[in-house]
Amino acid sequence: MKLDVKTSREMTKPHHSSFWQKKKEKEELAKLIEEQADISSISFTMEWDNEAKELMKKVPEGIVETAVSNAEEFAKEKGYTKVSKKSIQELMEKLGMNLDDM
């Protein structure tokens, strides 16, 4: 019989102990780092607001570069100085798509 010592120790910690707070903070930090890595791997050639960047996380991995390129091209055509959620929404409407379906 294998015994998971780490799990056994966790079960002995009271819910109000600093152990659980530290564990939660580590998990949140790991999640934040993962989310930033997803965004940082995308090549942006113009300024993007945070909402627009968040939308790019929902785009399937194989077409992210195309989606970014199309969003930037559309924003430039419209004379926008940066890509925003609004400009992405306009582009999607032009393409017959709905932002809420993402």
N, C-alpha and C. Protein backbone atom coordinates (compact mmCIF):
# COMPACT_ATOMS: atom_id res chain seq x y z
N MET A 1 0.84 -1.18 0.00
CA MET A 1 0.00 0.00 0.00
C MET A 1 0.89 1.24 0.00
N LYS A 2 0.65 2.11 -0.98
CA LYS A 2 1.41 3.35 -1.04
C LYS A 2 0.71 4.41 -0.21
N LEU A 3 1.50 5.22 0.45
CA LEU A 3 0.96 6.28 1.28
C LEU A 3 1.48 7.62 0.77
N ASP A 4 0.59 8.51 0.46
CA ASP A 4 0.97 9.84 -0.01
C ASP A 4 1.16 10.75 1.21
N VAL A 5 2.42 10.93 1.59
CA VAL A 5 2.74 11.69 2.80
C VAL A 5 2.29 13.14 2.69
N LYS A 6 2.48 13.72 1.53
CA LYS A 6 2.09 15.12 1.34
C LYS A 6 0.59 15.31 1.57
N THR A 7 -0.20 14.44 0.96
CA THR A 7 -1.66 14.53 1.13
C THR A 7 -2.05 14.28 2.58
N SER A 8 -1.39 13.33 3.23
CA SER A 8 -1.67 13.05 4.63
C SER A 8 -1.39 14.28 5.50
N ARG A 9 -0.29 14.95 5.24
CA ARG A 9 0.04 16.16 6.01
C ARG A 9 -0.98 17.27 5.75
N GLU A 10 -1.41 17.41 4.50
CA GLU A 10 -2.39 18.44 4.18
C GLU A 10 -3.69 18.21 4.97
N MET A 11 -4.06 16.96 5.13
CA MET A 11 -5.31 16.66 5.83
C MET A 11 -5.24 17.03 7.31
N THR A 12 -4.04 17.14 7.85
CA THR A 12 -3.91 17.48 9.28
C THR A 12 -3.90 18.98 9.53
N LYS A 13 -3.81 19.77 8.49
CA LYS A 13 -3.76 21.23 8.64
C LYS A 13 -5.16 21.79 8.83
N PRO A 14 -5.35 22.63 9.86
CA PRO A 14 -6.67 23.26 10.03
C PRO A 14 -6.94 24.25 8.90
N HIS A 15 -8.19 24.45 8.56
CA HIS A 15 -8.57 25.31 7.44
C HIS A 15 -8.12 26.75 7.61
N HIS A 16 -7.92 27.20 8.83
CA HIS A 16 -7.54 28.59 9.08
C HIS A 16 -6.02 28.78 9.13
N SER A 17 -5.25 27.72 8.92
CA SER A 17 -3.79 27.84 9.02
C SER A 17 -3.20 28.58 7.81
N SER A 18 -2.00 29.08 8.00
CA SER A 18 -1.31 29.80 6.93
C SER A 18 -0.93 28.86 5.78
N PHE A 19 -0.87 27.58 6.06
CA PHE A 19 -0.56 26.59 5.03
C PHE A 19 -1.50 26.71 3.84
N TRP A 20 -2.80 26.79 4.13
CA TRP A 20 -3.79 26.85 3.07
C TRP A 20 -3.75 28.18 2.34
N GLN A 21 -3.47 29.26 3.05
CA GLN A 21 -3.35 30.57 2.40
C GLN A 21 -2.15 30.57 1.43
N LYS A 22 -1.03 30.02 1.89
CA LYS A 22 0.16 29.96 1.03
C LYS A 22 -0.09 29.07 -0.19
N LYS A 23 -0.79 27.95 0.03
CA LYS A 23 -1.09 27.06 -1.08
C LYS A 23 -1.97 27.76 -2.10
N LYS A 24 -2.97 28.48 -1.62
CA LYS A 24 -3.86 29.22 -2.51
C LYS A 24 -3.10 30.27 -3.30
N GLU A 25 -2.20 31.00 -2.62
CA GLU A 25 -1.41 32.03 -3.29
C GLU A 25 -0.52 31.42 -4.37
N LYS A 26 0.08 30.27 -4.09
CA LYS A 26 0.92 29.60 -5.08
C LYS A 26 0.11 29.19 -6.31
N GLU A 27 -1.09 28.66 -6.08
CA GLU A 27 -1.95 28.25 -7.19
C GLU A 27 -2.38 29.45 -8.03
N GLU A 28 -2.71 30.57 -7.36
CA GLU A 28 -3.11 31.77 -8.09
C GLU A 28 -1.95 32.32 -8.90
N LEU A 29 -0.75 32.30 -8.32
CA LEU A 29 0.43 32.77 -9.03
C LEU A 29 0.72 31.90 -10.25
N ALA A 30 0.61 30.60 -10.09
CA ALA A 30 0.84 29.69 -11.21
C ALA A 30 -0.17 29.94 -12.32
N LYS A 31 -1.41 30.17 -11.95
CA LYS A 31 -2.46 30.45 -12.95
C LYS A 31 -2.16 31.77 -13.68
N LEU A 32 -1.75 32.79 -12.93
CA LEU A 32 -1.42 34.08 -13.53
C LEU A 32 -0.25 33.96 -14.50
N ILE A 33 0.77 33.23 -14.10
CA ILE A 33 1.94 33.03 -14.96
C ILE A 33 1.54 32.30 -16.24
N GLU A 34 0.68 31.30 -16.10
CA GLU A 34 0.21 30.56 -17.27
C GLU A 34 -0.58 31.45 -18.22
N GLU A 35 -1.46 32.30 -17.67
CA GLU A 35 -2.25 33.21 -18.49
C GLU A 35 -1.36 34.22 -19.20
N GLN A 36 -0.36 34.75 -18.50
CA GLN A 36 0.55 35.72 -19.12
C GLN A 36 1.39 35.07 -20.20
N ALA A 37 1.76 33.82 -19.99
CA ALA A 37 2.54 33.11 -21.00
C ALA A 37 1.73 32.95 -22.27
N ASP A 38 0.44 32.68 -22.11
CA ASP A 38 -0.42 32.53 -23.29
C ASP A 38 -0.45 33.81 -24.10
N ILE A 39 -0.59 34.95 -23.45
CA ILE A 39 -0.65 36.23 -24.14
C ILE A 39 0.72 36.62 -24.68
N SER A 40 1.77 36.37 -23.91
CA SER A 40 3.11 36.80 -24.33
C SER A 40 3.60 36.04 -25.56
N SER A 41 3.03 34.88 -25.83
CA SER A 41 3.46 34.13 -27.01
C SER A 41 2.86 34.68 -28.30
N ILE A 42 1.89 35.58 -28.17
CA ILE A 42 1.25 36.18 -29.34
C ILE A 42 2.06 37.39 -29.78
N SER A 43 2.26 37.52 -31.09
CA SER A 43 3.02 38.66 -31.63
C SER A 43 2.05 39.77 -32.03
N PHE A 44 2.09 40.87 -31.28
CA PHE A 44 1.27 42.03 -31.57
C PHE A 44 2.15 43.07 -32.28
N THR A 45 1.62 43.70 -33.34
CA THR A 45 2.40 44.73 -34.03
C THR A 45 1.86 46.13 -33.75
N MET A 46 0.76 46.21 -33.00
CA MET A 46 0.24 47.51 -32.59
C MET A 46 -0.32 47.38 -31.18
N GLU A 47 -0.74 48.47 -30.60
CA GLU A 47 -1.23 48.45 -29.23
C GLU A 47 -2.58 47.74 -29.13
N TRP A 48 -2.76 46.98 -28.05
CA TRP A 48 -4.00 46.25 -27.77
C TRP A 48 -4.43 46.59 -26.35
N ASP A 49 -5.74 46.74 -26.14
CA ASP A 49 -6.19 46.92 -24.76
C ASP A 49 -6.34 45.54 -24.11
N ASN A 50 -6.44 45.51 -22.80
CA ASN A 50 -6.47 44.24 -22.08
C ASN A 50 -7.68 43.38 -22.44
N GLU A 51 -8.84 44.00 -22.64
CA GLU A 51 -10.03 43.23 -23.01
C GLU A 51 -9.82 42.50 -24.34
N ALA A 52 -9.20 43.18 -25.29
CA ALA A 52 -8.95 42.57 -26.60
C ALA A 52 -7.96 41.40 -26.46
N LYS A 53 -6.95 41.58 -25.63
CA LYS A 53 -5.98 40.50 -25.41
C LYS A 53 -6.66 39.31 -24.76
N GLU A 54 -7.54 39.55 -23.83
CA GLU A 54 -8.28 38.47 -23.17
C GLU A 54 -9.11 37.69 -24.19
N LEU A 55 -9.69 38.40 -25.15
CA LEU A 55 -10.48 37.72 -26.19
C LEU A 55 -9.60 36.77 -27.01
N MET A 56 -8.34 37.13 -27.21
CA MET A 56 -7.45 36.28 -28.01
C MET A 56 -7.14 34.96 -27.32
N LYS A 57 -7.32 34.91 -26.00
CA LYS A 57 -7.12 33.65 -25.28
C LYS A 57 -8.17 32.62 -25.66
N LYS A 58 -9.31 33.09 -26.14
CA LYS A 58 -10.41 32.19 -26.50
C LYS A 58 -10.28 31.65 -27.91
N VAL A 59 -9.38 32.22 -28.69
CA VAL A 59 -9.20 31.81 -30.09
C VAL A 59 -8.41 30.50 -30.12
N PRO A 60 -8.83 29.53 -30.91
CA PRO A 60 -8.09 28.26 -31.01
C PRO A 60 -6.63 28.51 -31.41
N GLU A 61 -5.76 27.73 -30.81
CA GLU A 61 -4.32 27.91 -30.96
C GLU A 61 -3.85 27.98 -32.42
N GLY A 62 -4.43 27.19 -33.28
CA GLY A 62 -3.97 27.13 -34.67
C GLY A 62 -4.26 28.37 -35.49
N ILE A 63 -5.17 29.23 -35.04
CA ILE A 63 -5.54 30.40 -35.84
C ILE A 63 -5.31 31.73 -35.11
N VAL A 64 -4.59 31.69 -34.00
CA VAL A 64 -4.37 32.91 -33.22
C VAL A 64 -3.64 33.97 -34.05
N GLU A 65 -2.57 33.56 -34.72
CA GLU A 65 -1.79 34.53 -35.50
C GLU A 65 -2.65 35.18 -36.58
N THR A 66 -3.48 34.40 -37.24
CA THR A 66 -4.38 34.93 -38.26
C THR A 66 -5.39 35.88 -37.66
N ALA A 67 -5.94 35.51 -36.51
CA ALA A 67 -6.93 36.36 -35.84
C ALA A 67 -6.32 37.69 -35.42
N VAL A 68 -5.09 37.64 -34.89
CA VAL A 68 -4.39 38.86 -34.49
C VAL A 68 -4.13 39.74 -35.70
N SER A 69 -3.63 39.13 -36.77
CA SER A 69 -3.34 39.87 -37.99
C SER A 69 -4.60 40.53 -38.55
N ASN A 70 -5.70 39.78 -38.60
CA ASN A 70 -6.96 40.33 -39.11
C ASN A 70 -7.47 41.46 -38.23
N ALA A 71 -7.38 41.30 -36.91
CA ALA A 71 -7.85 42.33 -35.99
C ALA A 71 -7.03 43.61 -36.14
N GLU A 72 -5.72 43.47 -36.29
CA GLU A 72 -4.86 44.64 -36.44
C GLU A 72 -5.10 45.33 -37.79
N GLU A 73 -5.24 44.55 -38.83
CA GLU A 73 -5.50 45.11 -40.16
C GLU A 73 -6.83 45.88 -40.17
N PHE A 74 -7.86 45.31 -39.56
CA PHE A 74 -9.16 45.95 -39.49
C PHE A 74 -9.07 47.27 -38.70
N ALA A 75 -8.37 47.23 -37.57
CA ALA A 75 -8.23 48.44 -36.75
C ALA A 75 -7.51 49.54 -37.54
N LYS A 76 -6.49 49.18 -38.27
CA LYS A 76 -5.76 50.16 -39.09
C LYS A 76 -6.65 50.74 -40.18
N GLU A 77 -7.43 49.88 -40.84
CA GLU A 77 -8.34 50.34 -41.89
C GLU A 77 -9.35 51.34 -41.35
N LYS A 78 -9.80 51.11 -40.12
CA LYS A 78 -10.78 51.99 -39.48
C LYS A 78 -10.14 53.23 -38.87
N GLY A 79 -8.81 53.28 -38.86
CA GLY A 79 -8.12 54.44 -38.31
C GLY A 79 -7.97 54.42 -36.79
N TYR A 80 -8.15 53.24 -36.19
CA TYR A 80 -8.00 53.12 -34.75
C TYR A 80 -6.52 53.08 -34.38
N THR A 81 -6.19 53.68 -33.25
CA THR A 81 -4.79 53.67 -32.81
C THR A 81 -4.42 52.39 -32.08
N LYS A 82 -5.44 51.66 -31.61
CA LYS A 82 -5.17 50.37 -30.96
C LYS A 82 -6.33 49.42 -31.19
N VAL A 83 -6.06 48.15 -31.00
CA VAL A 83 -7.10 47.13 -31.12
C VAL A 83 -7.83 47.07 -29.78
N SER A 84 -9.13 47.12 -29.85
CA SER A 84 -9.95 47.10 -28.64
C SER A 84 -11.02 46.03 -28.78
N LYS A 85 -11.71 45.77 -27.70
CA LYS A 85 -12.82 44.83 -27.75
C LYS A 85 -13.86 45.31 -28.76
N LYS A 86 -14.07 46.63 -28.81
CA LYS A 86 -15.04 47.21 -29.73
C LYS A 86 -14.63 46.94 -31.18
N SER A 87 -13.35 47.14 -31.49
CA SER A 87 -12.92 46.93 -32.88
C SER A 87 -13.01 45.46 -33.27
N ILE A 88 -12.73 44.57 -32.33
CA ILE A 88 -12.86 43.14 -32.61
C ILE A 88 -14.33 42.78 -32.83
N GLN A 89 -15.20 43.39 -32.02
CA GLN A 89 -16.64 43.14 -32.17
C GLN A 89 -17.12 43.61 -33.54
N GLU A 90 -16.66 44.79 -33.98
CA GLU A 90 -17.03 45.31 -35.29
C GLU A 90 -16.57 44.37 -36.40
N LEU A 91 -15.33 43.88 -36.28
CA LEU A 91 -14.78 42.96 -37.27
C LEU A 91 -15.61 41.68 -37.33
N MET A 92 -15.93 41.15 -36.18
CA MET A 92 -16.71 39.91 -36.15
C MET A 92 -18.10 40.10 -36.76
N GLU A 93 -18.71 41.24 -36.47
CA GLU A 93 -20.02 41.52 -37.06
C GLU A 93 -19.91 41.61 -38.58
N LYS A 94 -18.83 42.24 -39.05
CA LYS A 94 -18.59 42.36 -40.49
C LYS A 94 -18.46 40.98 -41.13
N LEU A 95 -17.87 40.04 -40.38
CA LEU A 95 -17.67 38.68 -40.87
C LEU A 95 -18.88 37.78 -40.63
N GLY A 96 -19.92 38.36 -40.05
CA GLY A 96 -21.13 37.60 -39.77
C GLY A 96 -21.04 36.70 -38.55
N MET A 97 -20.15 37.09 -37.63
CA MET A 97 -19.96 36.31 -36.41
C MET A 97 -20.42 37.13 -35.21
N ASN A 98 -20.62 36.43 -34.11
CA ASN A 98 -21.06 37.08 -32.89
C ASN A 98 -20.02 36.90 -31.80
N LEU A 99 -19.63 37.98 -31.16
CA LEU A 99 -18.63 37.93 -30.10
C LEU A 99 -19.08 37.06 -28.94
N ASP A 100 -20.37 37.02 -28.69
CA ASP A 100 -20.89 36.22 -27.58
C ASP A 100 -20.75 34.71 -27.81
N ASP A 101 -20.54 34.33 -29.05
CA ASP A 101 -20.39 32.90 -29.37
C ASP A 101 -19.00 32.37 -29.08
N MET A 102 -18.08 33.24 -28.75
CA MET A 102 -16.71 32.81 -28.47
C MET A 102 -16.63 32.08 -27.16
